[in-house]
Amino acid sequence: MSSDLSQPRGASVDKPTQSDPIEAAEGSCRPRKLPPAPPPIERPFADRLVRLPEVLRLCALSRSTLYNKVATGHFPKQVRLGANIVAWYESDVLAWMQSPT
């Protein structure tokens, strides 16, 4: 019988060394640094987020007109919720509807 059988099953015999290609690959990866997030805007009440279809329906604007107004600062900016998801605060949209520019 060899000495390997005296250890419990699954016990590691050797620690991975730096020359181990898997360990070396894992050690060389660095986490990506993201820019700091802007400080959150203080809102005194819970505000509902509305997605693009509802904003277009409320404002009676086309998609391209809405985004042109956002780009020129004549419409509130959207809030990014994910990689491909944006929404607007309902109170900002309703305030713009009271005095559209």
N, C-alpha and C. Protein backbone atom coordinates (compact mmCIF):
# COMPACT_ATOMS: atom_id res chain seq x y z
N MET A 1 0.83 -1.18 0.00
CA MET A 1 0.00 0.00 0.00
C MET A 1 0.87 1.24 0.00
N SER A 2 0.41 2.26 -0.73
CA SER A 2 1.18 3.50 -0.77
C SER A 2 0.70 4.46 0.30
N SER A 3 1.47 5.49 0.55
CA SER A 3 1.14 6.45 1.60
C SER A 3 -0.01 7.36 1.18
N ASP A 4 -0.35 7.44 -0.11
CA ASP A 4 -1.43 8.30 -0.58
C ASP A 4 -2.78 7.83 -0.05
N LEU A 5 -2.92 6.55 0.20
CA LEU A 5 -4.21 6.01 0.65
C LEU A 5 -4.48 6.31 2.11
N SER A 6 -3.48 6.71 2.85
CA SER A 6 -3.68 6.99 4.26
C SER A 6 -4.39 8.33 4.49
N GLN A 7 -4.40 9.22 3.49
CA GLN A 7 -5.08 10.50 3.63
C GLN A 7 -6.56 10.35 3.26
N PRO A 8 -7.42 11.17 3.87
CA PRO A 8 -8.83 11.09 3.52
C PRO A 8 -9.05 11.47 2.06
N ARG A 9 -10.11 10.92 1.50
CA ARG A 9 -10.44 11.17 0.11
C ARG A 9 -10.71 12.66 -0.12
N GLY A 10 -10.18 13.24 -1.18
CA GLY A 10 -10.40 14.64 -1.50
C GLY A 10 -9.40 15.57 -0.87
N ALA A 11 -8.52 15.06 0.01
CA ALA A 11 -7.53 15.92 0.65
C ALA A 11 -6.46 16.29 -0.36
N SER A 12 -6.04 17.49 -0.32
CA SER A 12 -5.04 17.99 -1.26
C SER A 12 -3.66 17.57 -0.79
N VAL A 13 -2.86 17.03 -1.71
CA VAL A 13 -1.51 16.62 -1.37
C VAL A 13 -0.54 17.77 -1.59
N ASP A 14 -0.67 18.44 -2.73
CA ASP A 14 0.25 19.53 -3.07
C ASP A 14 -0.54 20.83 -3.17
N LYS A 15 0.08 21.92 -2.73
CA LYS A 15 -0.50 23.24 -2.93
C LYS A 15 -0.11 23.70 -4.34
N PRO A 16 -1.01 24.42 -5.03
CA PRO A 16 -0.62 24.90 -6.36
C PRO A 16 0.53 25.89 -6.26
N THR A 17 1.45 25.74 -7.17
CA THR A 17 2.60 26.64 -7.19
C THR A 17 2.38 27.73 -8.21
N GLN A 18 3.23 28.73 -8.20
CA GLN A 18 3.10 29.85 -9.13
C GLN A 18 3.34 29.38 -10.56
N SER A 19 4.04 28.27 -10.73
CA SER A 19 4.30 27.76 -12.07
C SER A 19 3.09 27.03 -12.65
N ASP A 20 2.07 26.79 -11.83
CA ASP A 20 0.83 26.15 -12.30
C ASP A 20 0.15 27.10 -13.28
N PRO A 21 -0.12 26.70 -14.55
CA PRO A 21 -0.66 27.63 -15.54
C PRO A 21 -2.03 28.19 -15.17
N ILE A 22 -2.85 27.39 -14.53
CA ILE A 22 -4.18 27.88 -14.13
C ILE A 22 -4.04 28.92 -13.05
N GLU A 23 -3.23 28.66 -12.06
CA GLU A 23 -3.01 29.61 -10.97
C GLU A 23 -2.39 30.89 -11.50
N ALA A 24 -1.45 30.78 -12.40
CA ALA A 24 -0.78 31.96 -12.96
C ALA A 24 -1.77 32.80 -13.76
N ALA A 25 -2.66 32.14 -14.50
CA ALA A 25 -3.66 32.88 -15.29
C ALA A 25 -4.63 33.60 -14.38
N GLU A 26 -5.06 32.95 -13.32
CA GLU A 26 -6.00 33.57 -12.39
C GLU A 26 -5.35 34.73 -11.65
N GLY A 27 -4.09 34.61 -11.31
CA GLY A 27 -3.40 35.65 -10.58
C GLY A 27 -3.11 36.87 -11.43
N SER A 28 -3.02 36.70 -12.75
CA SER A 28 -2.68 37.83 -13.60
C SER A 28 -3.88 38.69 -13.96
N CYS A 29 -5.08 38.19 -13.76
CA CYS A 29 -6.28 38.96 -14.09
C CYS A 29 -6.51 40.02 -13.02
N ARG A 30 -6.72 41.24 -13.46
CA ARG A 30 -7.00 42.32 -12.53
C ARG A 30 -8.43 42.77 -12.73
N PRO A 31 -9.12 43.08 -11.66
CA PRO A 31 -10.49 43.58 -11.82
C PRO A 31 -10.49 44.92 -12.52
N ARG A 32 -11.48 45.15 -13.34
CA ARG A 32 -11.60 46.39 -14.09
C ARG A 32 -12.05 47.50 -13.16
N LYS A 33 -11.41 48.66 -13.26
CA LYS A 33 -11.79 49.80 -12.43
C LYS A 33 -12.88 50.59 -13.13
N LEU A 34 -13.97 50.82 -12.45
CA LEU A 34 -15.07 51.60 -12.99
C LEU A 34 -14.99 53.02 -12.46
N PRO A 35 -15.51 53.98 -13.22
CA PRO A 35 -15.51 55.35 -12.70
C PRO A 35 -16.45 55.45 -11.52
N PRO A 36 -16.19 56.39 -10.61
CA PRO A 36 -17.06 56.50 -9.44
C PRO A 36 -18.47 56.93 -9.85
N ALA A 37 -19.44 56.41 -9.16
CA ALA A 37 -20.84 56.74 -9.45
C ALA A 37 -21.14 58.14 -8.95
N PRO A 38 -21.99 58.86 -9.69
CA PRO A 38 -22.36 60.19 -9.21
C PRO A 38 -23.18 60.09 -7.94
N PRO A 39 -23.16 61.12 -7.11
CA PRO A 39 -23.93 61.05 -5.87
C PRO A 39 -25.43 60.99 -6.19
N PRO A 40 -26.19 60.27 -5.41
CA PRO A 40 -27.63 60.16 -5.67
C PRO A 40 -28.34 61.49 -5.42
N ILE A 41 -29.38 61.73 -6.19
CA ILE A 41 -30.18 62.94 -6.03
C ILE A 41 -31.17 62.68 -4.89
N GLU A 42 -31.22 63.61 -3.96
CA GLU A 42 -32.15 63.47 -2.84
C GLU A 42 -33.58 63.76 -3.33
N ARG A 43 -34.46 62.83 -3.13
CA ARG A 43 -35.87 63.00 -3.49
C ARG A 43 -36.69 62.84 -2.21
N PRO A 44 -37.55 63.82 -1.92
CA PRO A 44 -38.28 63.80 -0.65
C PRO A 44 -39.35 62.72 -0.58
N PHE A 45 -39.73 62.12 -1.69
CA PHE A 45 -40.77 61.11 -1.69
C PHE A 45 -40.39 60.00 -2.66
N ALA A 46 -41.09 58.90 -2.56
CA ALA A 46 -40.85 57.80 -3.48
C ALA A 46 -41.40 58.18 -4.84
N ASP A 47 -40.55 58.18 -5.85
CA ASP A 47 -40.94 58.58 -7.19
C ASP A 47 -40.94 57.34 -8.09
N ARG A 48 -41.94 57.25 -8.92
CA ARG A 48 -42.07 56.10 -9.82
C ARG A 48 -41.18 56.31 -11.04
N LEU A 49 -40.57 55.23 -11.50
CA LEU A 49 -39.78 55.28 -12.72
C LEU A 49 -40.65 54.82 -13.88
N VAL A 50 -40.60 55.57 -14.99
CA VAL A 50 -41.39 55.20 -16.17
C VAL A 50 -40.44 54.92 -17.32
N ARG A 51 -40.74 53.89 -18.08
CA ARG A 51 -39.91 53.48 -19.21
C ARG A 51 -40.30 54.24 -20.46
N LEU A 52 -39.51 54.10 -21.50
CA LEU A 52 -39.65 54.87 -22.73
C LEU A 52 -41.06 54.82 -23.34
N PRO A 53 -41.70 53.66 -23.51
CA PRO A 53 -43.02 53.67 -24.14
C PRO A 53 -44.04 54.55 -23.40
N GLU A 54 -43.98 54.53 -22.07
CA GLU A 54 -44.92 55.34 -21.30
C GLU A 54 -44.58 56.83 -21.40
N VAL A 55 -43.29 57.16 -21.43
CA VAL A 55 -42.88 58.55 -21.58
C VAL A 55 -43.35 59.08 -22.94
N LEU A 56 -43.17 58.29 -23.98
CA LEU A 56 -43.62 58.71 -25.31
C LEU A 56 -45.13 58.91 -25.34
N ARG A 57 -45.86 58.03 -24.68
CA ARG A 57 -47.32 58.15 -24.63
C ARG A 57 -47.74 59.39 -23.85
N LEU A 58 -47.09 59.65 -22.70
CA LEU A 58 -47.45 60.81 -21.88
C LEU A 58 -47.15 62.13 -22.59
N CYS A 59 -46.01 62.19 -23.26
CA CYS A 59 -45.55 63.46 -23.84
C CYS A 59 -45.99 63.66 -25.28
N ALA A 60 -46.49 62.63 -25.92
CA ALA A 60 -46.89 62.68 -27.33
C ALA A 60 -45.73 63.15 -28.22
N LEU A 61 -44.56 62.61 -27.96
CA LEU A 61 -43.37 62.90 -28.75
C LEU A 61 -42.91 61.64 -29.45
N SER A 62 -42.20 61.81 -30.57
CA SER A 62 -41.58 60.64 -31.19
C SER A 62 -40.30 60.31 -30.42
N ARG A 63 -39.80 59.13 -30.65
CA ARG A 63 -38.58 58.69 -29.96
C ARG A 63 -37.41 59.61 -30.31
N SER A 64 -37.23 59.93 -31.59
CA SER A 64 -36.09 60.76 -31.99
C SER A 64 -36.22 62.18 -31.43
N THR A 65 -37.44 62.73 -31.41
CA THR A 65 -37.63 64.07 -30.85
C THR A 65 -37.32 64.07 -29.36
N LEU A 66 -37.75 63.03 -28.65
CA LEU A 66 -37.48 62.94 -27.22
C LEU A 66 -35.98 62.93 -26.95
N TYR A 67 -35.24 62.07 -27.66
CA TYR A 67 -33.80 61.98 -27.42
C TYR A 67 -33.07 63.25 -27.88
N ASN A 68 -33.58 63.94 -28.92
CA ASN A 68 -32.99 65.23 -29.30
C ASN A 68 -33.18 66.26 -28.19
N LYS A 69 -34.36 66.26 -27.57
CA LYS A 69 -34.62 67.20 -26.46
C LYS A 69 -33.75 66.86 -25.25
N VAL A 70 -33.53 65.58 -24.98
CA VAL A 70 -32.65 65.18 -23.88
C VAL A 70 -31.22 65.67 -24.17
N ALA A 71 -30.77 65.50 -25.41
CA ALA A 71 -29.40 65.88 -25.78
C ALA A 71 -29.19 67.39 -25.68
N THR A 72 -30.23 68.18 -25.99
CA THR A 72 -30.09 69.64 -25.93
C THR A 72 -30.44 70.21 -24.56
N GLY A 73 -30.88 69.35 -23.63
CA GLY A 73 -31.20 69.82 -22.28
C GLY A 73 -32.61 70.36 -22.13
N HIS A 74 -33.47 70.10 -23.12
CA HIS A 74 -34.85 70.58 -23.05
C HIS A 74 -35.82 69.52 -22.51
N PHE A 75 -35.30 68.41 -22.08
CA PHE A 75 -36.11 67.35 -21.48
C PHE A 75 -35.26 66.70 -20.40
N PRO A 76 -35.87 66.23 -19.30
CA PRO A 76 -35.08 65.61 -18.21
C PRO A 76 -34.27 64.42 -18.71
N LYS A 77 -33.08 64.26 -18.14
CA LYS A 77 -32.23 63.13 -18.50
C LYS A 77 -32.79 61.84 -17.93
N GLN A 78 -32.54 60.77 -18.64
CA GLN A 78 -32.97 59.45 -18.19
C GLN A 78 -32.03 58.91 -17.13
N VAL A 79 -32.50 57.92 -16.39
CA VAL A 79 -31.71 57.24 -15.35
C VAL A 79 -31.36 55.86 -15.89
N ARG A 80 -30.09 55.51 -15.86
CA ARG A 80 -29.67 54.20 -16.35
C ARG A 80 -29.90 53.16 -15.26
N LEU A 81 -30.68 52.14 -15.59
CA LEU A 81 -30.98 51.07 -14.64
C LEU A 81 -30.14 49.82 -14.89
N GLY A 82 -29.62 49.70 -16.07
CA GLY A 82 -28.81 48.55 -16.44
C GLY A 82 -28.08 48.86 -17.73
N ALA A 83 -27.48 47.84 -18.31
CA ALA A 83 -26.71 48.04 -19.53
C ALA A 83 -27.59 48.57 -20.67
N ASN A 84 -28.80 48.06 -20.80
CA ASN A 84 -29.68 48.46 -21.90
C ASN A 84 -31.03 48.95 -21.40
N ILE A 85 -31.10 49.38 -20.17
CA ILE A 85 -32.39 49.78 -19.59
C ILE A 85 -32.28 51.20 -19.05
N VAL A 86 -33.18 52.08 -19.51
CA VAL A 86 -33.25 53.43 -18.98
C VAL A 86 -34.70 53.73 -18.62
N ALA A 87 -34.87 54.70 -17.74
CA ALA A 87 -36.20 55.14 -17.33
C ALA A 87 -36.10 56.60 -16.92
N TRP A 88 -37.25 57.23 -16.73
CA TRP A 88 -37.32 58.62 -16.29
C TRP A 88 -38.13 58.66 -15.00
N TYR A 89 -37.81 59.64 -14.14
CA TYR A 89 -38.64 59.85 -12.97
C TYR A 89 -39.95 60.48 -13.42
N GLU A 90 -41.04 59.91 -12.96
CA GLU A 90 -42.35 60.39 -13.38
C GLU A 90 -42.56 61.85 -13.01
N SER A 91 -42.08 62.26 -11.84
CA SER A 91 -42.25 63.65 -11.43
C SER A 91 -41.51 64.61 -12.36
N ASP A 92 -40.34 64.21 -12.88
CA ASP A 92 -39.60 65.05 -13.83
C ASP A 92 -40.37 65.18 -15.14
N VAL A 93 -40.95 64.09 -15.60
CA VAL A 93 -41.72 64.12 -16.85
C VAL A 93 -42.97 64.98 -16.68
N LEU A 94 -43.66 64.81 -15.55
CA LEU A 94 -44.88 65.61 -15.32
C LEU A 94 -44.55 67.09 -15.16
N ALA A 95 -43.42 67.41 -14.54
CA ALA A 95 -43.01 68.81 -14.39
C ALA A 95 -42.68 69.40 -15.76
N TRP A 96 -42.03 68.62 -16.63
CA TRP A 96 -41.75 69.09 -17.98
C TRP A 96 -43.05 69.32 -18.76
N MET A 97 -44.03 68.47 -18.54
CA MET A 97 -45.31 68.63 -19.24
C MET A 97 -46.02 69.92 -18.82
N GLN A 98 -45.80 70.37 -17.61
CA GLN A 98 -46.42 71.62 -17.14
C GLN A 98 -45.83 72.83 -17.87
N SER A 99 -44.54 72.78 -18.20
CA SER A 99 -43.90 73.88 -18.91
C SER A 99 -42.88 73.32 -19.92
N PRO A 100 -43.37 72.74 -21.01
CA PRO A 100 -42.43 72.18 -22.00
C PRO A 100 -41.63 73.29 -22.69
N THR A 101 -40.40 72.97 -23.01
CA THR A 101 -39.56 73.96 -23.71
C THR A 101 -39.07 73.40 -25.00
